[in-house]
N, C-alpha and C. Protein backbone atom coordinates (compact mmCIF):
# COMPACT_ATOMS: atom_id res chain seq x y z
N MET A 1 21.82 -29.23 -10.45
CA MET A 1 22.85 -28.13 -9.65
C MET A 1 21.61 -26.95 -9.26
N THR A 2 21.25 -26.45 -9.66
CA THR A 2 20.08 -25.58 -9.77
C THR A 2 18.90 -25.68 -8.68
N SER A 3 18.64 -27.16 -8.38
CA SER A 3 17.48 -27.29 -7.53
C SER A 3 18.22 -27.05 -6.15
N GLU A 4 19.71 -27.12 -6.03
CA GLU A 4 20.35 -26.88 -4.81
C GLU A 4 20.26 -25.71 -3.95
N ILE A 5 20.30 -24.42 -5.18
CA ILE A 5 20.69 -22.93 -5.10
C ILE A 5 19.11 -22.09 -4.63
N ASN A 6 19.20 -21.49 -3.37
CA ASN A 6 18.01 -20.89 -2.82
C ASN A 6 18.30 -19.60 -3.78
N ILE A 7 17.32 -19.23 -4.56
CA ILE A 7 17.09 -17.92 -5.39
C ILE A 7 16.42 -17.04 -4.45
N ASP A 8 16.82 -15.98 -4.10
CA ASP A 8 15.99 -14.68 -3.43
C ASP A 8 15.29 -13.83 -4.13
N TYR A 9 16.00 -13.42 -5.39
CA TYR A 9 15.40 -12.73 -6.33
C TYR A 9 15.40 -13.28 -7.58
N VAL A 10 14.23 -12.48 -8.50
CA VAL A 10 14.07 -13.21 -10.04
C VAL A 10 13.95 -11.70 -10.60
N LEU A 11 15.13 -11.83 -11.88
CA LEU A 11 15.02 -10.47 -12.30
C LEU A 11 14.37 -10.70 -13.99
N ASN A 12 13.19 -10.69 -14.34
CA ASN A 12 13.25 -10.96 -15.74
C ASN A 12 13.30 -10.11 -16.74
N LEU A 13 13.84 -10.06 -17.51
CA LEU A 13 14.48 -9.08 -18.24
C LEU A 13 14.26 -9.18 -20.01
N GLU A 14 13.39 -10.27 -20.00
CA GLU A 14 12.83 -10.54 -21.30
C GLU A 14 12.44 -9.74 -22.21
N GLY A 15 12.83 -9.12 -23.27
CA GLY A 15 12.31 -8.10 -23.89
C GLY A 15 12.74 -6.89 -24.23
N GLU A 16 13.45 -6.71 -23.05
CA GLU A 16 14.68 -5.66 -22.97
C GLU A 16 15.65 -5.36 -23.61
N PRO A 17 15.92 -4.28 -24.52
CA PRO A 17 17.05 -4.23 -25.02
C PRO A 17 18.51 -3.61 -24.60
N CYS A 18 19.66 -3.89 -24.95
CA CYS A 18 20.60 -3.80 -24.26
C CYS A 18 20.92 -2.13 -24.31
N PRO A 19 21.34 -1.31 -23.42
CA PRO A 19 22.01 -2.10 -22.19
C PRO A 19 21.27 -2.31 -21.29
N PHE A 20 19.77 -2.27 -21.06
CA PHE A 20 19.10 -2.20 -20.05
C PHE A 20 19.21 -3.35 -19.26
N PRO A 21 19.42 -4.58 -19.84
CA PRO A 21 19.48 -5.78 -18.61
C PRO A 21 20.83 -5.49 -17.67
N ALA A 22 21.85 -5.08 -18.59
CA ALA A 22 23.46 -4.74 -17.93
C ALA A 22 23.06 -3.86 -16.69
N MET A 23 22.03 -2.94 -17.06
CA MET A 23 22.21 -1.60 -15.97
C MET A 23 21.30 -2.10 -14.91
N ALA A 24 20.15 -2.96 -15.26
CA ALA A 24 19.22 -3.43 -14.42
C ALA A 24 19.77 -4.47 -13.22
N SER A 25 20.52 -5.20 -13.90
CA SER A 25 21.53 -5.87 -13.04
C SER A 25 22.45 -5.49 -11.89
N ILE A 26 22.89 -4.76 -12.41
CA ILE A 26 23.91 -3.86 -11.68
C ILE A 26 22.86 -2.73 -10.65
N ASN A 27 22.08 -2.41 -10.91
CA ASN A 27 21.26 -1.94 -10.14
C ASN A 27 20.49 -2.75 -8.64
N ALA A 28 20.38 -4.17 -9.08
CA ALA A 28 19.53 -4.96 -8.07
C ALA A 28 21.01 -5.50 -7.43
N TYR A 29 22.21 -5.55 -8.07
CA TYR A 29 23.46 -6.38 -6.92
C TYR A 29 23.27 -4.90 -5.70
N GLU A 30 22.86 -3.76 -5.88
CA GLU A 30 23.17 -2.54 -5.02
C GLU A 30 22.31 -2.65 -3.68
N ASP A 31 20.81 -3.41 -4.04
CA ASP A 31 19.97 -3.56 -3.45
C ASP A 31 20.06 -4.80 -2.53
N MET A 32 20.85 -5.78 -2.90
CA MET A 32 21.37 -7.02 -2.04
C MET A 32 22.08 -7.17 -1.61
N GLN A 33 21.86 -8.25 -0.25
CA GLN A 33 22.73 -8.50 0.91
C GLN A 33 23.90 -9.72 0.43
N SER A 34 25.08 -9.68 1.40
CA SER A 34 26.21 -10.42 0.94
C SER A 34 25.55 -12.07 1.12
N GLY A 35 25.36 -12.70 0.31
CA GLY A 35 25.06 -14.17 0.16
C GLY A 35 23.71 -14.42 -0.22
N GLU A 36 22.86 -13.38 -0.79
CA GLU A 36 21.67 -13.73 -1.58
C GLU A 36 21.92 -13.89 -2.94
N VAL A 37 20.96 -14.60 -3.55
CA VAL A 37 21.25 -15.10 -5.14
C VAL A 37 19.94 -14.28 -5.84
N ILE A 38 20.49 -13.90 -6.89
CA ILE A 38 19.50 -13.50 -7.88
C ILE A 38 19.42 -14.08 -9.25
N GLU A 39 18.54 -14.40 -9.58
CA GLU A 39 18.52 -15.13 -11.42
C GLU A 39 17.85 -13.77 -11.93
N ILE A 40 18.64 -13.87 -13.16
CA ILE A 40 18.27 -12.94 -13.94
C ILE A 40 18.02 -13.65 -15.42
N ILE A 41 17.21 -13.55 -16.30
CA ILE A 41 16.62 -13.99 -17.47
C ILE A 41 16.92 -12.67 -18.63
N SER A 42 17.09 -12.93 -19.37
CA SER A 42 17.54 -11.76 -20.46
C SER A 42 17.42 -12.62 -21.96
N ASP A 43 16.95 -11.91 -22.86
CA ASP A 43 16.92 -12.78 -24.23
C ASP A 43 17.57 -11.56 -24.94
N CYS A 44 18.23 -10.61 -24.16
CA CYS A 44 19.20 -9.32 -24.95
C CYS A 44 20.65 -10.67 -25.44
N PRO A 45 21.06 -10.80 -26.65
CA PRO A 45 22.06 -11.20 -27.25
C PRO A 45 23.24 -10.74 -26.43
N GLN A 46 23.44 -9.39 -26.13
CA GLN A 46 24.77 -8.91 -25.70
C GLN A 46 24.65 -9.46 -24.22
N SER A 47 23.92 -9.51 -23.68
CA SER A 47 23.76 -9.77 -21.80
C SER A 47 24.84 -11.03 -21.83
N ILE A 48 25.31 -11.73 -22.69
CA ILE A 48 26.30 -12.60 -22.27
C ILE A 48 27.53 -11.84 -22.05
N ASN A 49 27.77 -10.96 -22.95
CA ASN A 49 29.08 -10.47 -22.90
C ASN A 49 28.97 -9.24 -21.47
N ASN A 50 27.77 -9.25 -20.98
CA ASN A 50 27.80 -8.10 -20.12
C ASN A 50 27.71 -8.40 -18.66
N ILE A 51 26.62 -9.24 -18.14
CA ILE A 51 25.76 -9.73 -16.94
C ILE A 51 27.24 -10.30 -16.17
N PRO A 52 27.74 -11.44 -16.82
CA PRO A 52 28.83 -12.34 -16.09
C PRO A 52 29.73 -11.60 -15.84
N VAL A 53 30.41 -10.84 -16.67
CA VAL A 53 31.55 -9.94 -16.67
C VAL A 53 31.18 -8.69 -15.52
N ASP A 54 30.23 -8.14 -15.55
CA ASP A 54 29.88 -6.97 -14.86
C ASP A 54 29.62 -7.77 -13.24
N ALA A 55 28.97 -8.71 -13.26
CA ALA A 55 29.19 -9.46 -11.86
C ALA A 55 30.30 -9.58 -11.45
N LYS A 56 31.40 -10.24 -12.09
CA LYS A 56 32.68 -11.16 -11.85
C LYS A 56 33.47 -9.61 -11.22
N LYS A 57 33.20 -8.32 -12.26
CA LYS A 57 34.04 -7.43 -11.73
C LYS A 57 33.62 -6.58 -10.53
N ARG A 58 32.44 -6.54 -10.02
CA ARG A 58 32.19 -6.31 -8.89
C ARG A 58 32.11 -7.23 -7.35
N GLY A 59 32.92 -8.45 -7.94
CA GLY A 59 32.99 -9.30 -7.04
C GLY A 59 31.86 -10.51 -6.41
N HIS A 60 31.16 -10.16 -7.62
CA HIS A 60 30.02 -11.50 -6.79
C HIS A 60 30.36 -12.81 -7.98
N GLU A 61 29.56 -14.00 -7.39
CA GLU A 61 29.97 -15.07 -7.71
C GLU A 61 29.09 -15.55 -8.92
N VAL A 62 29.51 -16.08 -10.20
CA VAL A 62 28.44 -16.37 -11.24
C VAL A 62 28.37 -17.68 -11.06
N LEU A 63 27.02 -18.39 -10.65
CA LEU A 63 26.82 -19.44 -10.35
C LEU A 63 26.41 -20.39 -11.34
N LEU A 64 25.89 -19.55 -12.50
CA LEU A 64 25.15 -20.37 -13.56
C LEU A 64 25.15 -19.49 -14.50
N VAL A 65 25.48 -19.80 -15.75
CA VAL A 65 25.27 -19.34 -16.99
C VAL A 65 24.48 -20.20 -18.04
N GLU A 66 23.60 -20.03 -18.28
CA GLU A 66 22.31 -21.12 -19.13
C GLU A 66 21.74 -20.50 -20.43
N GLN A 67 21.55 -21.41 -21.39
CA GLN A 67 20.87 -20.58 -22.42
C GLN A 67 19.94 -21.61 -23.25
N ASP A 68 18.91 -21.19 -23.45
CA ASP A 68 17.77 -21.87 -23.81
C ASP A 68 16.88 -21.10 -25.03
N GLY A 69 17.58 -21.42 -26.34
CA GLY A 69 17.33 -20.86 -27.35
C GLY A 69 17.61 -19.41 -27.13
N PRO A 70 16.79 -18.45 -27.54
CA PRO A 70 17.58 -16.86 -27.42
C PRO A 70 17.77 -16.41 -26.16
N THR A 71 16.83 -17.40 -24.97
CA THR A 71 16.85 -16.85 -23.86
C THR A 71 18.30 -16.97 -22.85
N PHE A 72 18.85 -16.49 -22.06
CA PHE A 72 19.90 -16.80 -21.28
C PHE A 72 19.16 -16.49 -19.69
N ARG A 73 19.76 -17.39 -18.91
CA ARG A 73 19.14 -17.31 -17.77
C ARG A 73 21.05 -17.50 -16.88
N TYR A 74 21.11 -16.53 -15.93
CA TYR A 74 22.55 -16.23 -15.22
C TYR A 74 21.65 -16.25 -13.67
N ILE A 75 22.62 -17.10 -12.75
CA ILE A 75 22.39 -17.22 -11.46
C ILE A 75 23.75 -16.50 -10.84
N ILE A 76 23.40 -15.50 -9.69
CA ILE A 76 24.55 -14.65 -9.45
C ILE A 76 24.51 -14.78 -7.73
N LYS A 77 25.33 -14.73 -7.53
CA LYS A 77 25.54 -14.54 -5.83
C LYS A 77 26.06 -13.52 -5.24
N HIS A 78 25.79 -12.65 -4.53
CA HIS A 78 26.31 -11.54 -4.09
C HIS A 78 26.97 -11.72 -2.90
N LEU A 79 28.29 -11.18 -3.24
CA LEU A 79 29.20 -11.43 -1.92
C LEU A 79 29.97 -10.06 -1.56
């Protein structure tokens, strides 16, 4: 599925403690245009409770949430 998604931005937040990944994601949405897609990578365990929820609250579409060991990968479409 992800091979069909054009990713405009990558935000690698590995090693960043909470709440920084959630805050950085919100800041990134503010700089994006409608229809653009961002890939967010985080190994903060709390990010699973923040990043997808914050994206939906702001009206964006969560295209993918994936976990590989301690690392989460989120793909969000700015709407």
